[in-house]
PDB file of N, CA and C in Angstrom:
ATOM      1  N   UNK A   1      -7.315   2.879 -27.653  1.00  0.00           N
ATOM      2  CA  UNK A   1      -6.434   2.856 -27.049  1.00  0.00           C
ATOM      3  C   UNK A   1      -7.050   2.751 -25.528  1.00  0.00           C
ATOM      4  N   UNK A   2      -6.701   1.602 -24.521  1.00  0.00           N
ATOM      5  CA  UNK A   2      -6.940   1.377 -23.145  1.00  0.00           C
ATOM      6  C   UNK A   2      -6.598   2.514 -22.324  1.00  0.00           C
ATOM      7  N   UNK A   3      -7.352   2.789 -21.461  1.00  0.00           N
ATOM      8  CA  UNK A   3      -7.225   3.870 -20.626  1.00  0.00           C
ATOM      9  C   UNK A   3      -6.341   3.277 -19.441  1.00  0.00           C
ATOM     10  N   UNK A   4      -5.104   3.740 -18.921  1.00  0.00           N
ATOM     11  CA  UNK A   4      -4.486   3.413 -17.956  1.00  0.00           C
ATOM     12  C   UNK A   4      -4.871   3.961 -16.623  1.00  0.00           C
ATOM     13  N   UNK A   5      -5.153   3.209 -15.566  1.00  0.00           N
ATOM     14  CA  UNK A   5      -5.500   3.666 -14.285  1.00  0.00           C
ATOM     15  C   UNK A   5      -4.381   4.500 -13.500  1.00  0.00           C
ATOM     16  N   UNK A   6      -4.870   5.695 -12.954  1.00  0.00           N
ATOM     17  CA  UNK A   6      -3.833   6.462 -12.320  1.00  0.00           C
ATOM     18  C   UNK A   6      -3.690   6.061 -10.799  1.00  0.00           C
ATOM     19  N   UNK A   7      -4.611   5.148 -10.379  1.00  0.00           N
ATOM     20  CA  UNK A   7      -4.674   4.535  -9.059  1.00  0.00           C
ATOM     21  C   UNK A   7      -4.902   3.019  -9.038  1.00  0.00           C
ATOM     22  N   UNK A   8      -4.222   2.541  -8.137  1.00  0.00           N
ATOM     23  CA  UNK A   8      -4.470   0.976  -8.008  1.00  0.00           C
ATOM     24  C   UNK A   8      -5.789   0.621  -7.800  1.00  0.00           C
ATOM     25  N   UNK A   9      -6.334  -0.556  -8.182  1.00  0.00           N
ATOM     26  CA  UNK A   9      -7.709  -0.897  -7.601  1.00  0.00           C
ATOM     27  C   UNK A   9      -7.381  -2.643  -7.288  1.00  0.00           C
ATOM     28  N   UNK A  10      -6.093  -2.805  -7.233  1.00  0.00           N
ATOM     29  CA  UNK A  10      -5.664  -4.488  -6.821  1.00  0.00           C
ATOM     30  C   UNK A  10      -4.540  -3.989  -5.887  1.00  0.00           C
ATOM     31  N   UNK A  11      -4.184  -5.097  -4.786  1.00  0.00           N
ATOM     32  CA  UNK A  11      -3.254  -4.959  -3.763  1.00  0.00           C
ATOM     33  C   UNK A  11      -2.618  -6.260  -3.825  1.00  0.00           C
ATOM     34  N   UNK A  12      -1.135  -6.355  -4.081  1.00  0.00           N
ATOM     35  CA  UNK A  12      -0.573  -7.402  -3.460  1.00  0.00           C
ATOM     36  C   UNK A  12       0.330  -7.335  -2.177  1.00  0.00           C
ATOM     37  N   UNK A  13       0.899  -8.278  -1.925  1.00  0.00           N
ATOM     38  CA  UNK A  13       1.522  -8.333  -0.463  1.00  0.00           C
ATOM     39  C   UNK A  13       2.758  -8.897  -0.667  1.00  0.00           C
ATOM     40  N   UNK A  14       3.816  -8.468   0.017  1.00  0.00           N
ATOM     41  CA  UNK A  14       5.133  -9.023   0.179  1.00  0.00           C
ATOM     42  C   UNK A  14       4.859 -10.053   1.609  1.00  0.00           C
ATOM     43  N   UNK A  15       5.681 -10.899   1.715  1.00  0.00           N
ATOM     44  CA  UNK A  15       5.749 -11.965   2.770  1.00  0.00           C
ATOM     45  C   UNK A  15       5.765 -10.959   4.164  1.00  0.00           C
ATOM     46  N   UNK A  16       6.971 -10.338   3.962  1.00  0.00           N
ATOM     47  CA  UNK A  16       7.115  -9.421   5.252  1.00  0.00           C
ATOM     48  C   UNK A  16       5.795  -8.420   5.689  1.00  0.00           C
ATOM     49  N   UNK A  17       5.035  -7.988   4.590  1.00  0.00           N
ATOM     50  CA  UNK A  17       3.822  -7.062   5.046  1.00  0.00           C
ATOM     51  C   UNK A  17       2.673  -8.040   5.619  1.00  0.00           C
ATOM     52  N   UNK A  18       2.720  -9.312   4.938  1.00  0.00           N
ATOM     53  CA  UNK A  18       1.662 -10.071   5.527  1.00  0.00           C
ATOM     54  C   UNK A  18       1.797 -10.388   7.229  1.00  0.00           C
ATOM     55  N   UNK A  19       3.260 -10.795   7.235  1.00  0.00           N
ATOM     56  CA  UNK A  19       3.749 -11.105   8.758  1.00  0.00           C
ATOM     57  C   UNK A  19       3.289  -9.946   9.748  1.00  0.00           C
ATOM     58  N   UNK A  20       3.836  -8.725   9.272  1.00  0.00           N
ATOM     59  CA  UNK A  20       3.517  -7.474   9.931  1.00  0.00           C
ATOM     60  C   UNK A  20       1.947  -7.365  10.279  1.00  0.00           C
ATOM     61  N   UNK A  21       1.253  -7.704   9.514  1.00  0.00           N
ATOM     62  CA  UNK A  21      -0.372  -7.304   9.466  1.00  0.00           C
ATOM     63  C   UNK A  21      -0.722  -8.266  10.430  1.00  0.00           C
ATOM     64  N   UNK A  22      -0.380  -9.654  10.473  1.00  0.00           N
ATOM     65  CA  UNK A  22      -0.604 -10.726  11.374  1.00  0.00           C
ATOM     66  C   UNK A  22      -0.321 -10.323  12.667  1.00  0.00           C
ATOM     67  N   UNK A  23       1.031  -9.726  12.880  1.00  0.00           N
ATOM     68  CA  UNK A  23       1.602  -9.466  14.259  1.00  0.00           C
ATOM     69  C   UNK A  23       0.834  -8.384  14.937  1.00  0.00           C
ATOM     70  N   UNK A  24       0.459  -7.518  14.097  1.00  0.00           N
ATOM     71  CA  UNK A  24      -0.102  -6.283  14.983  1.00  0.00           C
ATOM     72  C   UNK A  24      -1.721  -6.574  14.665  1.00  0.00           C
ATOM     73  N   UNK A  25      -2.326  -7.761  14.082  1.00  0.00           N
ATOM     74  CA  UNK A  25      -3.731  -7.934  14.007  1.00  0.00           C
ATOM     75  C   UNK A  25      -4.243  -6.797  13.276  1.00  0.00           C
ATOM     76  N   UNK A  26      -3.811  -6.583  12.374  1.00  0.00           N
ATOM     77  CA  UNK A  26      -4.614  -5.622  11.180  1.00  0.00           C
ATOM     78  C   UNK A  26      -5.020  -6.325  10.162  1.00  0.00           C
ATOM     79  N   UNK A  27      -6.392  -6.443  10.059  1.00  0.00           N
ATOM     80  CA  UNK A  27      -7.233  -7.086   8.660  1.00  0.00           C
ATOM     81  C   UNK A  27      -6.443  -6.839   7.379  1.00  0.00           C
ATOM     82  N   UNK A  28      -6.406  -7.577   6.491  1.00  0.00           N
ATOM     83  CA  UNK A  28      -5.696  -7.303   5.250  1.00  0.00           C
ATOM     84  C   UNK A  28      -6.659  -6.360   4.324  1.00  0.00           C
ATOM     85  N   UNK A  29      -7.935  -6.793   4.898  1.00  0.00           N
ATOM     86  CA  UNK A  29      -8.903  -5.742   3.693  1.00  0.00           C
ATOM     87  C   UNK A  29      -8.765  -4.466   4.331  1.00  0.00           C
ATOM     88  N   UNK A  30      -8.449  -4.023   5.573  1.00  0.00           N
ATOM     89  CA  UNK A  30      -8.545  -2.617   5.966  1.00  0.00           C
ATOM     90  C   UNK A  30      -7.132  -2.107   5.418  1.00  0.00           C
ATOM     91  N   UNK A  31      -5.972  -2.721   5.253  1.00  0.00           N
ATOM     92  CA  UNK A  31      -4.705  -2.161   4.429  1.00  0.00           C
ATOM     93  C   UNK A  31      -5.321  -2.038   2.993  1.00  0.00           C
ATOM     94  N   UNK A  32      -5.695  -2.907   2.609  1.00  0.00           N
ATOM     95  CA  UNK A  32      -5.922  -2.898   0.877  1.00  0.00           C
ATOM     96  C   UNK A  32      -6.936  -1.709   0.647  1.00  0.00           C
ATOM     97  N   UNK A  33      -8.127  -1.638   1.518  1.00  0.00           N
ATOM     98  CA  UNK A  33      -8.729  -0.490   1.308  1.00  0.00           C
ATOM     99  C   UNK A  33      -8.084   1.033   1.451  1.00  0.00           C
ATOM    100  N   UNK A  34      -7.180   0.894   2.258  1.00  0.00           N
ATOM    101  CA  UNK A  34      -6.300   2.419   2.594  1.00  0.00           C
ATOM    102  C   UNK A  34      -5.707   2.647   1.326  1.00  0.00           C
ATOM    103  N   UNK A  35      -5.027   1.444   1.032  1.00  0.00           N
ATOM    104  CA  UNK A  35      -4.128   1.944  -0.300  1.00  0.00           C
ATOM    105  C   UNK A  35      -5.072   2.257  -1.416  1.00  0.00           C
ATOM    106  N   UNK A  36      -5.936   1.674  -1.648  1.00  0.00           N
ATOM    107  CA  UNK A  36      -6.858   2.039  -2.864  1.00  0.00           C
ATOM    108  C   UNK A  36      -7.824   3.152  -2.482  1.00  0.00           C
ATOM    109  N   UNK A  37      -8.080   3.396  -1.593  1.00  0.00           N
ATOM    110  CA  UNK A  37      -8.913   4.861  -1.416  1.00  0.00           C
ATOM    111  C   UNK A  37      -7.913   5.933  -0.888  1.00  0.00           C
ATOM    112  N   UNK A  38      -6.887   5.979  -0.556  1.00  0.00           N
ATOM    113  CA  UNK A  38      -6.227   6.721   0.094  1.00  0.00           C
ATOM    114  C   UNK A  38      -4.915   7.145  -0.669  1.00  0.00           C
ATOM    115  N   UNK A  39      -4.927   6.437  -2.020  1.00  0.00           N
ATOM    116  CA  UNK A  39      -3.817   6.757  -2.738  1.00  0.00           C
ATOM    117  C   UNK A  39      -3.586   8.021  -3.118  1.00  0.00           C
ATOM    118  N   UNK A  40      -4.636   9.043  -3.455  1.00  0.00           N
ATOM    119  CA  UNK A  40      -4.584  10.254  -3.887  1.00  0.00           C
ATOM    120  C   UNK A  40      -3.988  11.231  -2.545  1.00  0.00           C
ATOM    121  N   UNK A  41      -3.892  10.675  -1.472  1.00  0.00           N
ATOM    122  CA  UNK A  41      -3.226  11.468  -0.333  1.00  0.00           C
ATOM    123  C   UNK A  41      -1.915  10.803  -0.315  1.00  0.00           C
ATOM    124  N   UNK A  42      -1.473   9.870  -1.038  1.00  0.00           N
ATOM    125  CA  UNK A  42      -0.081   9.390  -0.796  1.00  0.00           C
ATOM    126  C   UNK A  42       1.017  10.398  -0.295  1.00  0.00           C
ATOM    127  N   UNK A  43       2.077  10.101   0.096  1.00  0.00           N
ATOM    128  CA  UNK A  43       3.245  10.827  -0.003  1.00  0.00           C
ATOM    129  C   UNK A  43       4.576  10.162  -0.138  1.00  0.00           C
ATOM    130  N   UNK A  44       5.490  10.593  -0.881  1.00  0.00           N
ATOM    131  CA  UNK A  44       6.824  10.248  -1.233  1.00  0.00           C
ATOM    132  C   UNK A  44       7.358   9.529  -0.220  1.00  0.00           C
ATOM    133  N   UNK A  45       7.947   8.151  -0.306  1.00  0.00           N
ATOM    134  CA  UNK A  45       8.677   7.346   0.509  1.00  0.00           C
ATOM    135  C   UNK A  45      10.345   7.525   0.188  1.00  0.00           C
ATOM    136  N   UNK A  46      11.384   7.695   1.126  1.00  0.00           N
ATOM    137  CA  UNK A  46      12.636   8.021   0.712  1.00  0.00           C
ATOM    138  C   UNK A  46      13.170   6.656   0.421  1.00  0.00           C
ATOM    139  N   UNK A  47      12.665   5.567   0.509  1.00  0.00           N
ATOM    140  CA  UNK A  47      13.175   4.171   0.374  1.00  0.00           C
ATOM    141  C   UNK A  47      12.594   3.612  -1.004  1.00  0.00           C
ATOM    142  N   UNK A  48      13.224   2.387  -1.458  1.00  0.00           N
ATOM    143  CA  UNK A  48      12.797   1.777  -2.948  1.00  0.00           C
ATOM    144  C   UNK A  48      11.341   1.687  -2.735  1.00  0.00           C
ATOM    145  N   UNK A  49      10.462   1.102  -1.646  1.00  0.00           N
ATOM    146  CA  UNK A  49       9.018   1.193  -1.669  1.00  0.00           C
ATOM    147  C   UNK A  49       8.707   2.705  -2.086  1.00  0.00           C
ATOM    148  N   UNK A  50       8.112   3.193  -2.945  1.00  0.00           N
ATOM    149  CA  UNK A  50       8.134   4.836  -3.346  1.00  0.00           C
ATOM    150  C   UNK A  50       6.754   5.503  -2.721  1.00  0.00           C
ATOM    151  N   UNK A  51       5.901   4.870  -1.861  1.00  0.00           N
ATOM    152  CA  UNK A  51       4.698   5.595  -1.462  1.00  0.00           C
ATOM    153  C   UNK A  51       4.506   5.271  -0.063  1.00  0.00           C
ATOM    154  N   UNK A  52       3.780   5.992   0.392  1.00  0.00           N
ATOM    155  CA  UNK A  52       3.402   5.610   1.969  1.00  0.00           C
ATOM    156  C   UNK A  52       2.020   6.270   2.324  1.00  0.00           C
ATOM    157  N   UNK A  53       0.885   5.895   2.721  1.00  0.00           N
ATOM    158  CA  UNK A  53      -0.106   6.503   3.477  1.00  0.00           C
ATOM    159  C   UNK A  53      -0.286   6.299   4.677  1.00  0.00           C
ATOM    160  N   UNK A  54      -0.891   7.167   5.393  1.00  0.00           N
ATOM    161  CA  UNK A  54      -1.339   7.059   6.865  1.00  0.00           C
ATOM    162  C   UNK A  54      -2.715   7.125   7.012  1.00  0.00           C
ATOM    163  N   UNK A  55      -3.305   6.240   7.842  1.00  0.00           N
ATOM    164  CA  UNK A  55      -4.719   6.359   8.127  1.00  0.00           C
ATOM    165  C   UNK A  55      -4.931   6.057   9.647  1.00  0.00           C
ATOM    166  N   UNK A  56      -4.987   7.242  10.369  1.00  0.00           N
ATOM    167  CA  UNK A  56      -5.156   7.189  11.658  1.00  0.00           C
ATOM    168  C   UNK A  56      -3.716   6.835  12.170  1.00  0.00           C
ATOM    169  N   UNK A  57      -3.527   6.000  13.148  1.00  0.00           N
ATOM    170  CA  UNK A  57      -1.938   5.666  13.280  1.00  0.00           C
ATOM    171  C   UNK A  57      -1.377   4.788  12.341  1.00  0.00           C
ATOM    172  N   UNK A  58      -2.116   4.078  11.559  1.00  0.00           N
ATOM    173  CA  UNK A  58      -1.361   3.064  10.661  1.00  0.00           C
ATOM    174  C   UNK A  58      -0.854   3.692   9.265  1.00  0.00           C
ATOM    175  N   UNK A  59       0.544   3.303   9.211  1.00  0.00           N
ATOM    176  CA  UNK A  59       1.319   3.763   8.145  1.00  0.00           C
ATOM    177  C   UNK A  59       1.376   2.511   7.222  1.00  0.00           C
ATOM    178  N   UNK A  60       1.282   2.917   5.979  1.00  0.00           N
ATOM    179  CA  UNK A  60       1.570   1.608   5.074  1.00  0.00           C
ATOM    180  C   UNK A  60       2.483   2.173   3.743  1.00  0.00           C
ATOM    181  N   UNK A  61       3.348   1.506   3.449  1.00  0.00           N
ATOM    182  CA  UNK A  61       4.412   1.779   2.625  1.00  0.00           C
ATOM    183  C   UNK A  61       4.317   0.637   1.560  1.00  0.00           C
ATOM    184  N   UNK A  62       4.190   1.346   0.229  1.00  0.00           N
ATOM    185  CA  UNK A  62       3.786   0.489  -0.714  1.00  0.00           C
ATOM    186  C   UNK A  62       4.468   0.903  -2.221  1.00  0.00           C
ATOM    187  N   UNK A  63       4.468  -0.007  -3.003  1.00  0.00           N
ATOM    188  CA  UNK A  63       5.037   0.578  -4.479  1.00  0.00           C
ATOM    189  C   UNK A  63       3.972   0.396  -5.414  1.00  0.00           C
ATOM    190  N   UNK A  64       4.022   1.203  -6.231  1.00  0.00           N
ATOM    191  CA  UNK A  64       3.002   1.804  -7.469  1.00  0.00           C
ATOM    192  C   UNK A  64       3.350   2.256  -8.465  1.00  0.00           C
ATOM    193  N   UNK A  65       3.447   1.767  -9.682  1.00  0.00           N
ATOM    194  CA  UNK A  65       2.911   0.532  -9.801  1.00  0.00           C
ATOM    195  C   UNK A  65       3.690  -0.575  -9.525  1.00  0.00           C
ATOM    196  N   UNK A  66       3.048  -1.651  -9.788  1.00  0.00           N
ATOM    197  CA  UNK A  66       3.789  -3.130  -9.174  1.00  0.00           C
ATOM    198  C   UNK A  66       4.222  -3.577 -10.552  1.00  0.00           C
ATOM    199  N   UNK A  67       5.570  -3.584 -10.650  1.00  0.00           N
ATOM    200  CA  UNK A  67       6.101  -4.238 -11.985  1.00  0.00           C
ATOM    201  C   UNK A  67       5.463  -3.893 -13.120  1.00  0.00           C
ATOM    202  N   UNK A  68       5.129  -2.448 -13.294  1.00  0.00           N
ATOM    203  CA  UNK A  68       4.812  -1.740 -14.524  1.00  0.00           C
ATOM    204  C   UNK A  68       3.176  -1.957 -14.591  1.00  0.00           C
ATOM    205  N   UNK A  69       2.708  -2.541 -13.562  1.00  0.00           N
ATOM    206  CA  UNK A  69       1.293  -2.989 -13.498  1.00  0.00           C
ATOM    207  C   UNK A  69       0.674  -1.664 -13.011  1.00  0.00           C
ATOM    208  N   UNK A  70      -0.083  -0.524 -13.779  1.00  0.00           N
ATOM    209  CA  UNK A  70      -0.644   0.530 -12.971  1.00  0.00           C
ATOM    210  C   UNK A  70      -1.858   0.347 -12.096  1.00  0.00           C
ATOM    211  N   UNK A  71      -2.572  -1.262 -12.171  1.00  0.00           N
ATOM    212  CA  UNK A  71      -3.567  -1.378 -11.799  1.00  0.00           C
ATOM    213  C   UNK A  71      -3.164  -1.917 -10.440  1.00  0.00           C
ATOM    214  N   UNK A  72      -2.122  -2.254  -9.939  1.00  0.00           N
ATOM    215  CA  UNK A  72      -1.640  -3.092  -8.700  1.00  0.00           C
ATOM    216  C   UNK A  72      -0.620  -2.117  -8.008  1.00  0.00           C
ATOM    217  N   UNK A  73      -0.981  -2.147  -6.761  1.00  0.00           N
ATOM    218  CA  UNK A  73      -0.154  -1.635  -5.714  1.00  0.00           C
ATOM    219  C   UNK A  73       0.518  -3.034  -4.857  1.00  0.00           C
ATOM    220  N   UNK A  74       1.892  -2.772  -4.650  1.00  0.00           N
ATOM    221  CA  UNK A  74       2.370  -4.140  -3.735  1.00  0.00           C
ATOM    222  C   UNK A  74       2.466  -3.453  -2.165  1.00  0.00           C
ATOM    223  N   UNK A  75       2.106  -3.938  -1.447  1.00  0.00           N
ATOM    224  CA  UNK A  75       2.342  -3.504   0.003  1.00  0.00           C
ATOM    225  C   UNK A  75       3.723  -4.051   0.618  1.00  0.00           C
ATOM    226  N   UNK A  76       4.536  -3.270   1.046  1.00  0.00           N
ATOM    227  CA  UNK A  76       6.134  -3.722   1.327  1.00  0.00           C
ATOM    228  C   UNK A  76       6.026  -3.876   3.093  1.00  0.00           C
ATOM    229  N   UNK A  77       5.588  -3.125   3.500  1.00  0.00           N
ATOM    230  CA  UNK A  77       5.412  -3.054   5.116  1.00  0.00           C
ATOM    231  C   UNK A  77       4.431  -1.949   5.921  1.00  0.00           C
ATOM    232  N   UNK A  78       4.220  -2.349   7.010  1.00  0.00           N
ATOM    233  CA  UNK A  78       3.258  -1.334   7.883  1.00  0.00           C
ATOM    234  C   UNK A  78       3.551  -1.422   9.037  1.00  0.00           C
ATOM    235  N   UNK A  79       3.009  -0.412   9.949  1.00  0.00           N
ATOM    236  CA  UNK A  79       3.538  -0.163  11.145  1.00  0.00           C
ATOM    237  C   UNK A  79       2.442   0.619  11.995  1.00  0.00           C
ATOM    238  N   UNK A  80       2.231   0.722  13.220  1.00  0.00           N
ATOM    239  CA  UNK A  80       1.455   1.779  13.723  1.00  0.00           C
ATOM    240  C   UNK A  80       2.276   2.791  14.577  1.00  0.00           C
ATOM    241  N   UNK A  81       1.890   3.951  14.516  1.00  0.00           N
ATOM    242  CA  UNK A  81       2.758   4.918  15.102  1.00  0.00           C
ATOM    243  C   UNK A  81       2.387   4.976  16.378  1.00  0.00           C
ATOM    244  N   UNK A  82       3.266   5.782  17.291  1.00  0.00           N
ATOM    245  CA  UNK A  82       2.906   5.701  18.735  1.00  0.00           C
ATOM    246  C   UNK A  82       2.145   7.183  19.024  1.00  0.00           C
TER     247      UNK A  82
END
């Protein structure tokens, strides 16, 4: 039986999240790295995107698993805290 990953190792993006990253001048690789490396520190999110991680002032909201794929997280939105 194949081992199911407990954390994502791939990241997909919504169009909204891509636009926000461009607007805020945040490199995609930084967001993807944060989701993958900080998944163990995630917090529940009250909205349909079920997880959020914070790295410094950057907040990333994502869904995991993405469409029942436990290897993938889907970034829904992001912002910088004040």
